[in-house]
PDB file of N, CA and C in Angstrom:
ATOM      1  N   MET A   1     130.812 123.795 121.472  1.00  0.00           N
ATOM      2  CA  MET A   1     131.691 124.347 120.473  1.00  0.00           C
ATOM      3  C   MET A   1     132.927 123.457 120.383  1.00  0.00           C
ATOM      4  N   SER A   2     133.196 122.979 119.214  1.00  0.00           N
ATOM      5  CA  SER A   2     134.345 122.102 119.021  1.00  0.00           C
ATOM      6  C   SER A   2     135.624 122.924 118.895  1.00  0.00           C
ATOM      7  N   GLN A   3     136.745 122.247 118.953  1.00  0.00           N
ATOM      8  CA  GLN A   3     138.038 122.905 118.846  1.00  0.00           C
ATOM      9  C   GLN A   3     138.187 123.578 117.476  1.00  0.00           C
ATOM     10  N   GLN A   4     137.650 122.971 116.434  1.00  0.00           N
ATOM     11  CA  GLN A   4     137.740 123.536 115.091  1.00  0.00           C
ATOM     12  C   GLN A   4     136.971 124.840 114.987  1.00  0.00           C
ATOM     13  N   GLU A   5     135.835 124.952 115.689  1.00  0.00           N
ATOM     14  CA  GLU A   5     135.055 126.181 115.646  1.00  0.00           C
ATOM     15  C   GLU A   5     135.725 127.303 116.421  1.00  0.00           C
ATOM     16  N   ALA A   6     136.395 126.969 117.499  1.00  0.00           N
ATOM     17  CA  ALA A   6     137.001 127.980 118.353  1.00  0.00           C
ATOM     18  C   ALA A   6     138.222 128.619 117.702  1.00  0.00           C
ATOM     19  N   HIS A   7     138.963 127.858 116.926  1.00  0.00           N
ATOM     20  CA  HIS A   7     140.193 128.347 116.326  1.00  0.00           C
ATOM     21  C   HIS A   7     140.272 127.871 114.883  1.00  0.00           C
ATOM     22  N   GLY A   8     141.017 128.634 114.073  1.00  0.00           N
ATOM     23  CA  GLY A   8     141.224 128.219 112.697  1.00  0.00           C
ATOM     24  C   GLY A   8     142.204 127.072 112.620  1.00  0.00           C
ATOM     25  N   SER A   9     142.233 126.441 111.479  1.00  0.00           N
ATOM     26  CA  SER A   9     143.167 125.334 111.294  1.00  0.00           C
ATOM     27  C   SER A   9     144.575 125.868 111.069  1.00  0.00           C
ATOM     28  N   THR A  10     145.547 125.028 111.291  1.00  0.00           N
ATOM     29  CA  THR A  10     146.939 125.408 111.071  1.00  0.00           C
ATOM     30  C   THR A  10     147.156 125.768 109.606  1.00  0.00           C
ATOM     31  N   LYS A  11     146.516 125.018 108.715  1.00  0.00           N
ATOM     32  CA  LYS A  11     146.639 125.294 107.284  1.00  0.00           C
ATOM     33  C   LYS A  11     146.133 126.694 106.954  1.00  0.00           C
ATOM     34  N   ALA A  12     145.000 127.085 107.529  1.00  0.00           N
ATOM     35  CA  ALA A  12     144.439 128.418 107.278  1.00  0.00           C
ATOM     36  C   ALA A  12     145.368 129.504 107.802  1.00  0.00           C
ATOM     37  N   TYR A  13     145.956 129.285 108.975  1.00  0.00           N
ATOM     38  CA  TYR A  13     146.889 130.273 109.530  1.00  0.00           C
ATOM     39  C   TYR A  13     148.134 130.406 108.664  1.00  0.00           C
ATOM     40  N   ILE A  14     148.645 129.304 108.163  1.00  0.00           N
ATOM     41  CA  ILE A  14     149.838 129.346 107.316  1.00  0.00           C
ATOM     42  C   ILE A  14     149.531 130.055 106.004  1.00  0.00           C
ATOM     43  N   ILE A  15     148.395 129.731 105.399  1.00  0.00           N
ATOM     44  CA  ILE A  15     148.003 130.407 104.156  1.00  0.00           C
ATOM     45  C   ILE A  15     147.845 131.900 104.399  1.00  0.00           C
ATOM     46  N   GLY A  16     147.171 132.273 105.473  1.00  0.00           N
ATOM     47  CA  GLY A  16     146.993 133.686 105.804  1.00  0.00           C
ATOM     48  C   GLY A  16     148.315 134.386 106.042  1.00  0.00           C
ATOM     49  N   PHE A  17     149.228 133.719 106.739  1.00  0.00           N
ATOM     50  CA  PHE A  17     150.539 134.297 107.011  1.00  0.00           C
ATOM     51  C   PHE A  17     151.321 134.521 105.720  1.00  0.00           C
ATOM     52  N   ILE A  18     151.312 133.523 104.848  1.00  0.00           N
ATOM     53  CA  ILE A  18     152.040 133.649 103.581  1.00  0.00           C
ATOM     54  C   ILE A  18     151.438 134.754 102.719  1.00  0.00           C
ATOM     55  N   LEU A  19     150.116 134.798 102.644  1.00  0.00           N
ATOM     56  CA  LEU A  19     149.466 135.871 101.878  1.00  0.00           C
ATOM     57  C   LEU A  19     149.803 137.244 102.459  1.00  0.00           C
ATOM     58  N   SER A  20     149.831 137.349 103.776  1.00  0.00           N
ATOM     59  CA  SER A  20     150.182 138.621 104.419  1.00  0.00           C
ATOM     60  C   SER A  20     151.603 139.045 104.066  1.00  0.00           C
ATOM     61  N   ILE A  21     152.516 138.091 104.094  1.00  0.00           N
ATOM     62  CA  ILE A  21     153.920 138.394 103.750  1.00  0.00           C
ATOM     63  C   ILE A  21     154.017 138.853 102.295  1.00  0.00           C
ATOM     64  N   VAL A  22     153.368 138.122 101.392  1.00  0.00           N
ATOM     65  CA  VAL A  22     153.427 138.467  99.966  1.00  0.00           C
ATOM     66  C   VAL A  22     152.810 139.842  99.721  1.00  0.00           C
ATOM     67  N   LEU A  23     151.667 140.104 100.349  1.00  0.00           N
ATOM     68  CA  LEU A  23     150.995 141.390 100.158  1.00  0.00           C
ATOM     69  C   LEU A  23     151.747 142.544 100.814  1.00  0.00           C
ATOM     70  N   THR A  24     152.690 142.248 101.668  1.00  0.00           N
ATOM     71  CA  THR A  24     153.550 143.280 102.243  1.00  0.00           C
ATOM     72  C   THR A  24     154.795 143.482 101.388  1.00  0.00           C
ATOM     73  N   ILE A  25     155.339 142.405 100.864  1.00  0.00           N
ATOM     74  CA  ILE A  25     156.578 142.485 100.088  1.00  0.00           C
ATOM     75  C   ILE A  25     156.363 143.160  98.732  1.00  0.00           C
ATOM     76  N   ILE A  26     155.232 142.915  98.090  1.00  0.00           N
ATOM     77  CA  ILE A  26     154.984 143.477  96.753  1.00  0.00           C
ATOM     78  C   ILE A  26     155.105 145.003  96.759  1.00  0.00           C
ATOM     79  N   PRO A  27     154.364 145.738  97.605  1.00  0.00           N
ATOM     80  CA  PRO A  27     154.524 147.196  97.590  1.00  0.00           C
ATOM     81  C   PRO A  27     155.918 147.645  98.019  1.00  0.00           C
ATOM     82  N   LEU A  28     156.528 146.919  98.947  1.00  0.00           N
ATOM     83  CA  LEU A  28     157.867 147.277  99.399  1.00  0.00           C
ATOM     84  C   LEU A  28     158.864 147.227  98.242  1.00  0.00           C
ATOM     85  N   VAL A  29     158.828 146.160  97.474  1.00  0.00           N
ATOM     86  CA  VAL A  29     159.734 146.020  96.323  1.00  0.00           C
ATOM     87  C   VAL A  29     159.446 147.105  95.284  1.00  0.00           C
ATOM     88  N   LEU A  30     158.171 147.363  95.033  1.00  0.00           N
ATOM     89  CA  LEU A  30     157.818 148.396  94.054  1.00  0.00           C
ATOM     90  C   LEU A  30     158.319 149.776  94.476  1.00  0.00           C
ATOM     91  N   VAL A  31     158.213 150.093  95.743  1.00  0.00           N
ATOM     92  CA  VAL A  31     158.657 151.397  96.233  1.00  0.00           C
ATOM     93  C   VAL A  31     160.181 151.492  96.238  1.00  0.00           C
ATOM     94  N   LEU A  32     160.837 150.486  96.760  1.00  0.00           N
ATOM     95  CA  LEU A  32     162.296 150.541  96.868  1.00  0.00           C
ATOM     96  C   LEU A  32     162.995 150.561  95.510  1.00  0.00           C
ATOM     97  N   ASN A  33     162.391 149.954  94.501  1.00  0.00           N
ATOM     98  CA  ASN A  33     163.015 149.892  93.174  1.00  0.00           C
ATOM     99  C   ASN A  33     162.454 150.913  92.196  1.00  0.00           C
ATOM    100  N   HIS A  34     161.561 151.787  92.677  1.00  0.00           N
ATOM    101  CA  HIS A  34     160.961 152.834  91.830  1.00  0.00           C
ATOM    102  C   HIS A  34     160.458 152.256  90.507  1.00  0.00           C
ATOM    103  N   MET A  35     159.633 151.231  90.588  1.00  0.00           N
ATOM    104  CA  MET A  35     159.209 150.485  89.412  1.00  0.00           C
ATOM    105  C   MET A  35     157.962 151.048  88.738  1.00  0.00           C
ATOM    106  N   MET A  36     157.297 152.016  89.359  1.00  0.00           N
ATOM    107  CA  MET A  36     156.057 152.558  88.805  1.00  0.00           C
ATOM    108  C   MET A  36     156.025 154.062  88.993  1.00  0.00           C
ATOM    109  N   SER A  37     155.100 154.688  88.256  1.00  0.00           N
ATOM    110  CA  SER A  37     154.878 156.117  88.479  1.00  0.00           C
ATOM    111  C   SER A  37     154.202 156.307  89.832  1.00  0.00           C
ATOM    112  N   ARG A  38     154.158 157.540  90.297  1.00  0.00           N
ATOM    113  CA  ARG A  38     153.581 157.808  91.623  1.00  0.00           C
ATOM    114  C   ARG A  38     152.129 157.390  91.714  1.00  0.00           C
ATOM    115  N   THR A  39     151.351 157.716  90.709  1.00  0.00           N
ATOM    116  CA  THR A  39     149.918 157.392  90.742  1.00  0.00           C
ATOM    117  C   THR A  39     149.701 155.881  90.720  1.00  0.00           C
ATOM    118  N   ALA A  40     150.385 155.201  89.828  1.00  0.00           N
ATOM    119  CA  ALA A  40     150.243 153.748  89.745  1.00  0.00           C
ATOM    120  C   ALA A  40     150.723 153.084  91.032  1.00  0.00           C
ATOM    121  N   LEU A  41     151.778 153.612  91.600  1.00  0.00           N
ATOM    122  CA  LEU A  41     152.302 153.073  92.855  1.00  0.00           C
ATOM    123  C   LEU A  41     151.297 153.271  93.989  1.00  0.00           C
ATOM    124  N   PHE A  42     150.703 154.444  94.047  1.00  0.00           N
ATOM    125  CA  PHE A  42     149.700 154.728  95.073  1.00  0.00           C
ATOM    126  C   PHE A  42     148.509 153.777  94.945  1.00  0.00           C
ATOM    127  N   VAL A  43     148.020 153.593  93.733  1.00  0.00           N
ATOM    128  CA  VAL A  43     146.888 152.692  93.505  1.00  0.00           C
ATOM    129  C   VAL A  43     147.263 151.261  93.880  1.00  0.00           C
ATOM    130  N   THR A  44     148.453 150.829  93.505  1.00  0.00           N
ATOM    131  CA  THR A  44     148.903 149.478  93.835  1.00  0.00           C
ATOM    132  C   THR A  44     149.001 149.281  95.346  1.00  0.00           C
ATOM    133  N   ILE A  45     149.546 150.256  96.044  1.00  0.00           N
ATOM    134  CA  ILE A  45     149.653 150.159  97.499  1.00  0.00           C
ATOM    135  C   ILE A  45     148.269 150.090  98.133  1.00  0.00           C
ATOM    136  N   MET A  46     147.324 150.890  97.649  1.00  0.00           N
ATOM    137  CA  MET A  46     145.965 150.872  98.192  1.00  0.00           C
ATOM    138  C   MET A  46     145.284 149.518  97.937  1.00  0.00           C
ATOM    139  N   VAL A  47     145.475 148.965  96.752  1.00  0.00           N
ATOM    140  CA  VAL A  47     144.886 147.656  96.435  1.00  0.00           C
ATOM    141  C   VAL A  47     145.489 146.585  97.344  1.00  0.00           C
ATOM    142  N   MET A  48     146.796 146.614  97.526  1.00  0.00           N
ATOM    143  CA  MET A  48     147.447 145.639  98.408  1.00  0.00           C
ATOM    144  C   MET A  48     146.961 145.811  99.852  1.00  0.00           C
ATOM    145  N   ALA A  49     146.716 147.035 100.267  1.00  0.00           N
ATOM    146  CA  ALA A  49     146.220 147.278 101.627  1.00  0.00           C
ATOM    147  C   ALA A  49     144.820 146.700 101.815  1.00  0.00           C
ATOM    148  N   VAL A  50     143.961 146.880 100.829  1.00  0.00           N
ATOM    149  CA  VAL A  50     142.604 146.327 100.919  1.00  0.00           C
ATOM    150  C   VAL A  50     142.656 144.802 100.920  1.00  0.00           C
ATOM    151  N   LEU A  51     143.492 144.223 100.080  1.00  0.00           N
ATOM    152  CA  LEU A  51     143.646 142.767 100.073  1.00  0.00           C
ATOM    153  C   LEU A  51     144.203 142.272 101.401  1.00  0.00           C
ATOM    154  N   GLN A  52     145.157 143.006 101.948  1.00  0.00           N
ATOM    155  CA  GLN A  52     145.721 142.644 103.257  1.00  0.00           C
ATOM    156  C   GLN A  52     144.633 142.691 104.339  1.00  0.00           C
ATOM    157  N   PHE A  53     143.775 143.671 104.263  1.00  0.00           N
ATOM    158  CA  PHE A  53     142.654 143.800 105.202  1.00  0.00           C
ATOM    159  C   PHE A  53     141.732 142.584 105.086  1.00  0.00           C
ATOM    160  N   ALA A  54     141.433 142.186 103.864  1.00  0.00           N
ATOM    161  CA  ALA A  54     140.561 141.026 103.651  1.00  0.00           C
ATOM    162  C   ALA A  54     141.220 139.743 104.181  1.00  0.00           C
ATOM    163  N   VAL A  55     142.502 139.579 103.946  1.00  0.00           N
ATOM    164  CA  VAL A  55     143.219 138.402 104.454  1.00  0.00           C
ATOM    165  C   VAL A  55     143.156 138.371 105.975  1.00  0.00           C
ATOM    166  N   GLN A  56     143.387 139.499 106.611  1.00  0.00           N
ATOM    167  CA  GLN A  56     143.335 139.549 108.074  1.00  0.00           C
ATOM    168  C   GLN A  56     141.944 139.186 108.587  1.00  0.00           C
ATOM    169  N   LEU A  57     140.916 139.706 107.928  1.00  0.00           N
ATOM    170  CA  LEU A  57     139.545 139.414 108.355  1.00  0.00           C
ATOM    171  C   LEU A  57     139.215 137.933 108.220  1.00  0.00           C
ATOM    172  N   PHE A  58     139.522 137.352 107.093  1.00  0.00           N
ATOM    173  CA  PHE A  58     139.087 135.989 106.825  1.00  0.00           C
ATOM    174  C   PHE A  58     139.964 134.926 107.473  1.00  0.00           C
ATOM    175  N   PHE A  59     141.279 135.152 107.493  1.00  0.00           N
ATOM    176  CA  PHE A  59     142.169 134.107 107.994  1.00  0.00           C
ATOM    177  C   PHE A  59     142.481 134.225 109.478  1.00  0.00           C
ATOM    178  N   PHE A  60     142.494 135.436 110.026  1.00  0.00           N
ATOM    179  CA  PHE A  60     142.897 135.599 111.421  1.00  0.00           C
ATOM    180  C   PHE A  60     141.756 136.034 112.334  1.00  0.00           C
ATOM    181  N   MET A  61     140.822 136.818 111.819  1.00  0.00           N
ATOM    182  CA  MET A  61     139.702 137.254 112.653  1.00  0.00           C
ATOM    183  C   MET A  61     138.492 136.346 112.481  1.00  0.00           C
ATOM    184  N   HIS A  62     138.583 135.381 111.589  1.00  0.00           N
ATOM    185  CA  HIS A  62     137.545 134.367 111.369  1.00  0.00           C
ATOM    186  C   HIS A  62     136.183 135.003 111.107  1.00  0.00           C
ATOM    187  N   ILE A  63     136.155 135.989 110.238  1.00  0.00           N
ATOM    188  CA  ILE A  63     134.918 136.730 109.982  1.00  0.00           C
ATOM    189  C   ILE A  63     133.848 135.852 109.337  1.00  0.00           C
ATOM    190  N   ARG A  64     134.258 134.817 108.640  1.00  0.00           N
ATOM    191  CA  ARG A  64     133.282 133.960 107.960  1.00  0.00           C
ATOM    192  C   ARG A  64     132.823 132.790 108.821  1.00  0.00           C
ATOM    193  N   GLU A  65     133.414 132.636 109.996  1.00  0.00           N
ATOM    194  CA  GLU A  65     133.095 131.509 110.853  1.00  0.00           C
ATOM    195  C   GLU A  65     132.220 131.951 112.016  1.00  0.00           C
ATOM    196  N   GLY A  66     131.641 131.018 112.701  1.00  0.00           N
ATOM    197  CA  GLY A  66     130.875 131.318 113.906  1.00  0.00           C
ATOM    198  C   GLY A  66     129.385 131.174 113.683  1.00  0.00           C
ATOM    199  N   GLU A  67     128.703 130.803 114.746  1.00  0.00           N
ATOM    200  CA  GLU A  67     127.269 130.594 114.651  1.00  0.00           C
ATOM    201  C   GLU A  67     126.495 131.892 114.806  1.00  0.00           C
ATOM    202  N   LYS A  68     127.031 132.809 115.553  1.00  0.00           N
ATOM    203  CA  LYS A  68     126.323 134.055 115.827  1.00  0.00           C
ATOM    204  C   LYS A  68     126.914 135.175 114.977  1.00  0.00           C
ATOM    205  N   PRO A  69     126.127 135.730 114.065  1.00  0.00           N
ATOM    206  CA  PRO A  69     126.652 136.750 113.163  1.00  0.00           C
ATOM    207  C   PRO A  69     127.064 138.044 113.854  1.00  0.00           C
ATOM    208  N   ARG A  70     126.555 138.309 115.045  1.00  0.00           N
ATOM    209  CA  ARG A  70     126.916 139.566 115.705  1.00  0.00           C
ATOM    210  C   ARG A  70     128.404 139.623 116.014  1.00  0.00           C
ATOM    211  N   TYR A  71     129.021 138.481 116.302  1.00  0.00           N
ATOM    212  CA  TYR A  71     130.457 138.481 116.545  1.00  0.00           C
ATOM    213  C   TYR A  71     131.224 138.832 115.277  1.00  0.00           C
ATOM    214  N   ASN A  72     130.741 138.358 114.165  1.00  0.00           N
ATOM    215  CA  ASN A  72     131.375 138.694 112.892  1.00  0.00           C
ATOM    216  C   ASN A  72     131.273 140.192 112.617  1.00  0.00           C
ATOM    217  N   VAL A  73     130.123 140.748 112.877  1.00  0.00           N
ATOM    218  CA  VAL A  73     129.922 142.177 112.634  1.00  0.00           C
ATOM    219  C   VAL A  73     130.794 143.002 113.584  1.00  0.00           C
ATOM    220  N   MET A  74     130.858 142.602 114.833  1.00  0.00           N
ATOM    221  CA  MET A  74     131.698 143.325 115.793  1.00  0.00           C
ATOM    222  C   MET A  74     133.165 143.261 115.377  1.00  0.00           C
ATOM    223  N   ALA A  75     133.606 142.114 114.915  1.00  0.00           N
ATOM    224  CA  ALA A  75     134.991 141.974 114.461  1.00  0.00           C
ATOM    225  C   ALA A  75     135.243 142.838 113.228  1.00  0.00           C
ATOM    226  N   LEU A  76     134.292 142.887 112.329  1.00  0.00           N
ATOM    227  CA  LEU A  76     134.425 143.713 111.137  1.00  0.00           C
ATOM    228  C   LEU A  76     134.483 145.190 111.495  1.00  0.00           C
ATOM    229  N   VAL A  77     133.624 145.623 112.395  1.00  0.00           N
ATOM    230  CA  VAL A  77     133.624 147.028 112.823  1.00  0.00           C
ATOM    231  C   VAL A  77     134.955 147.373 113.486  1.00  0.00           C
ATOM    232  N   LEU A  78     135.450 146.493 114.336  1.00  0.00           N
ATOM    233  CA  LEU A  78     136.737 146.732 114.976  1.00  0.00           C
ATOM    234  C   LEU A  78     137.854 146.822 113.940  1.00  0.00           C
ATOM    235  N   GLY A  79     137.842 145.932 112.970  1.00  0.00           N
ATOM    236  CA  GLY A  79     138.842 145.974 111.906  1.00  0.00           C
ATOM    237  C   GLY A  79     138.782 147.272 111.125  1.00  0.00           C
ATOM    238  N   ILE A  80     137.576 147.731 110.835  1.00  0.00           N
ATOM    239  CA  ILE A  80     137.408 148.992 110.100  1.00  0.00           C
ATOM    240  C   ILE A  80     137.909 150.166 110.936  1.00  0.00           C
ATOM    241  N   VAL A  81     137.623 150.150 112.239  1.00  0.00           N
ATOM    242  CA  VAL A  81     138.125 151.215 113.119  1.00  0.00           C
ATOM    243  C   VAL A  81     139.646 151.227 113.105  1.00  0.00           C
ATOM    244  N   PHE A  82     140.271 150.059 113.182  1.00  0.00           N
ATOM    245  CA  PHE A  82     141.733 149.989 113.127  1.00  0.00           C
ATOM    246  C   PHE A  82     142.261 150.558 111.815  1.00  0.00           C
ATOM    247  N   VAL A  83     141.676 150.153 110.712  1.00  0.00           N
ATOM    248  CA  VAL A  83     142.146 150.600 109.408  1.00  0.00           C
ATOM    249  C   VAL A  83     141.974 152.104 109.249  1.00  0.00           C
ATOM    250  N   VAL A  84     140.818 152.620 109.615  1.00  0.00           N
ATOM    251  CA  VAL A  84     140.579 154.063 109.494  1.00  0.00           C
ATOM    252  C   VAL A  84     141.553 154.839 110.380  1.00  0.00           C
ATOM    253  N   THR A  85     141.788 154.351 111.580  1.00  0.00           N
ATOM    254  CA  THR A  85     142.726 155.022 112.486  1.00  0.00           C
ATOM    255  C   THR A  85     144.141 155.021 111.920  1.00  0.00           C
ATOM    256  N   ILE A  86     144.585 153.892 111.419  1.00  0.00           N
ATOM    257  CA  ILE A  86     145.947 153.791 110.873  1.00  0.00           C
ATOM    258  C   ILE A  86     146.092 154.639 109.616  1.00  0.00           C
ATOM    259  N   VAL A  87     145.120 154.577 108.725  1.00  0.00           N
ATOM    260  CA  VAL A  87     145.203 155.347 107.479  1.00  0.00           C
ATOM    261  C   VAL A  87     145.134 156.844 107.773  1.00  0.00           C
ATOM    262  N   ALA A  88     144.188 157.266 108.609  1.00  0.00           N
ATOM    263  CA  ALA A  88     144.068 158.691 108.929  1.00  0.00           C
ATOM    264  C   ALA A  88     145.320 159.190 109.645  1.00  0.00           C
ATOM    265  N   GLY A  89     145.844 158.397 110.572  1.00  0.00           N
ATOM    266  CA  GLY A  89     147.067 158.794 111.262  1.00  0.00           C
ATOM    267  C   GLY A  89     148.256 158.875 110.325  1.00  0.00           C
ATOM    268  N   SER A  90     148.349 157.939 109.402  1.00  0.00           N
ATOM    269  CA  SER A  90     149.447 157.956 108.430  1.00  0.00           C
ATOM    270  C   SER A  90     149.361 159.170 107.522  1.00  0.00           C
ATOM    271  N   ILE A  91     148.164 159.475 107.045  1.00  0.00           N
ATOM    272  CA  ILE A  91     147.984 160.655 106.184  1.00  0.00           C
ATOM    273  C   ILE A  91     148.339 161.921 106.954  1.00  0.00           C
ATOM    274  N   TRP A  92     147.898 162.005 108.202  1.00  0.00           N
ATOM    275  CA  TRP A  92     148.192 163.172 109.023  1.00  0.00           C
ATOM    276  C   TRP A  92     149.699 163.331 109.216  1.00  0.00           C
ATOM    277  N   ILE A  93     150.378 162.233 109.544  1.00  0.00           N
ATOM    278  CA  ILE A  93     151.825 162.289 109.758  1.00  0.00           C
ATOM    279  C   ILE A  93     152.556 162.647 108.467  1.00  0.00           C
ATOM    280  N   MET A  94     152.140 162.049 107.342  1.00  0.00           N
ATOM    281  CA  MET A  94     152.798 162.349 106.065  1.00  0.00           C
ATOM    282  C   MET A  94     152.576 163.803 105.666  1.00  0.00           C
ATOM    283  N   THR A  95     151.390 164.340 105.934  1.00  0.00           N
ATOM    284  CA  THR A  95     151.104 165.731 105.619  1.00  0.00           C
ATOM    285  C   THR A  95     151.972 166.647 106.479  1.00  0.00           C
ATOM    286  N   PHE A  96     152.065 166.342 107.773  1.00  0.00           N
ATOM    287  CA  PHE A  96     152.891 167.147 108.667  1.00  0.00           C
ATOM    288  C   PHE A  96     154.337 167.097 108.256  1.00  0.00           C
ATOM    289  N   ASN A  97     154.852 165.923 107.923  1.00  0.00           N
ATOM    290  CA  ASN A  97     156.256 165.793 107.546  1.00  0.00           C
ATOM    291  C   ASN A  97     156.574 166.486 106.231  1.00  0.00           C
ATOM    292  N   SER A  98     155.618 166.566 105.330  1.00  0.00           N
ATOM    293  CA  SER A  98     155.881 167.230 104.050  1.00  0.00           C
ATOM    294  C   SER A  98     155.921 168.736 104.208  1.00  0.00           C
ATOM    295  N   GLN A  99     155.385 169.283 105.298  1.00  0.00           N
ATOM    296  CA  GLN A  99     155.374 170.733 105.519  1.00  0.00           C
ATOM    297  C   GLN A  99     156.575 171.202 106.316  1.00  0.00           C
ATOM    298  N   VAL A 100     157.270 170.286 106.965  1.00  0.00           N
ATOM    299  CA  VAL A 100     158.445 170.646 107.757  1.00  0.00           C
ATOM    300  C   VAL A 100     159.626 170.840 106.821  1.00  0.00           C
ATOM    301  N   GLN A 101     160.272 172.005 106.958  1.00  0.00           N
ATOM    302  CA  GLN A 101     161.443 172.279 106.127  1.00  0.00           C
ATOM    303  C   GLN A 101     162.624 172.522 107.041  1.00  0.00           C
ATOM    304  N   PHE A 102     163.722 171.897 106.693  1.00  0.00           N
ATOM    305  CA  PHE A 102     164.925 172.054 107.492  1.00  0.00           C
ATOM    306  C   PHE A 102     165.776 173.164 106.916  1.00  0.00           C
ATOM    307  N   ALA A 103     166.348 173.967 107.793  1.00  0.00           N
ATOM    308  CA  ALA A 103     167.168 175.109 107.348  1.00  0.00           C
ATOM    309  C   ALA A 103     168.542 174.671 106.939  1.00  0.00           C
TER     310      ALA A 103
END
C-alpha cells in the first residue's frame, strides 16, 4: 500500500475543509439573518446537511478509495449511525426544549 492509498492528498483535504466551512456558513447566515420562511429554511438546512455528509464521506473518510469494498461499507455504516444519532438527539432535545415553559 503506497502512501497515496493510505491517506488522501493535501489538495483533497483542503477542498473538503473549504466545502465543509461553506456548507456550515450558508445555513448559519440564513438563520441569523432570517432570510427565508421556516419551511424553506428547514429544507435548505437539510440539503446542506446531506451535502456536508457527502463531503465528509468522500473527502475525509475516503469512501471512494481502497481496494477492499468492505472497509468502504463499514465507514458508510458508521457515518450513517453518527448522522442518525445526531439528528435523532437534536430532534429529541428541540422537542423537549419547546415543551419547557418558564414561569
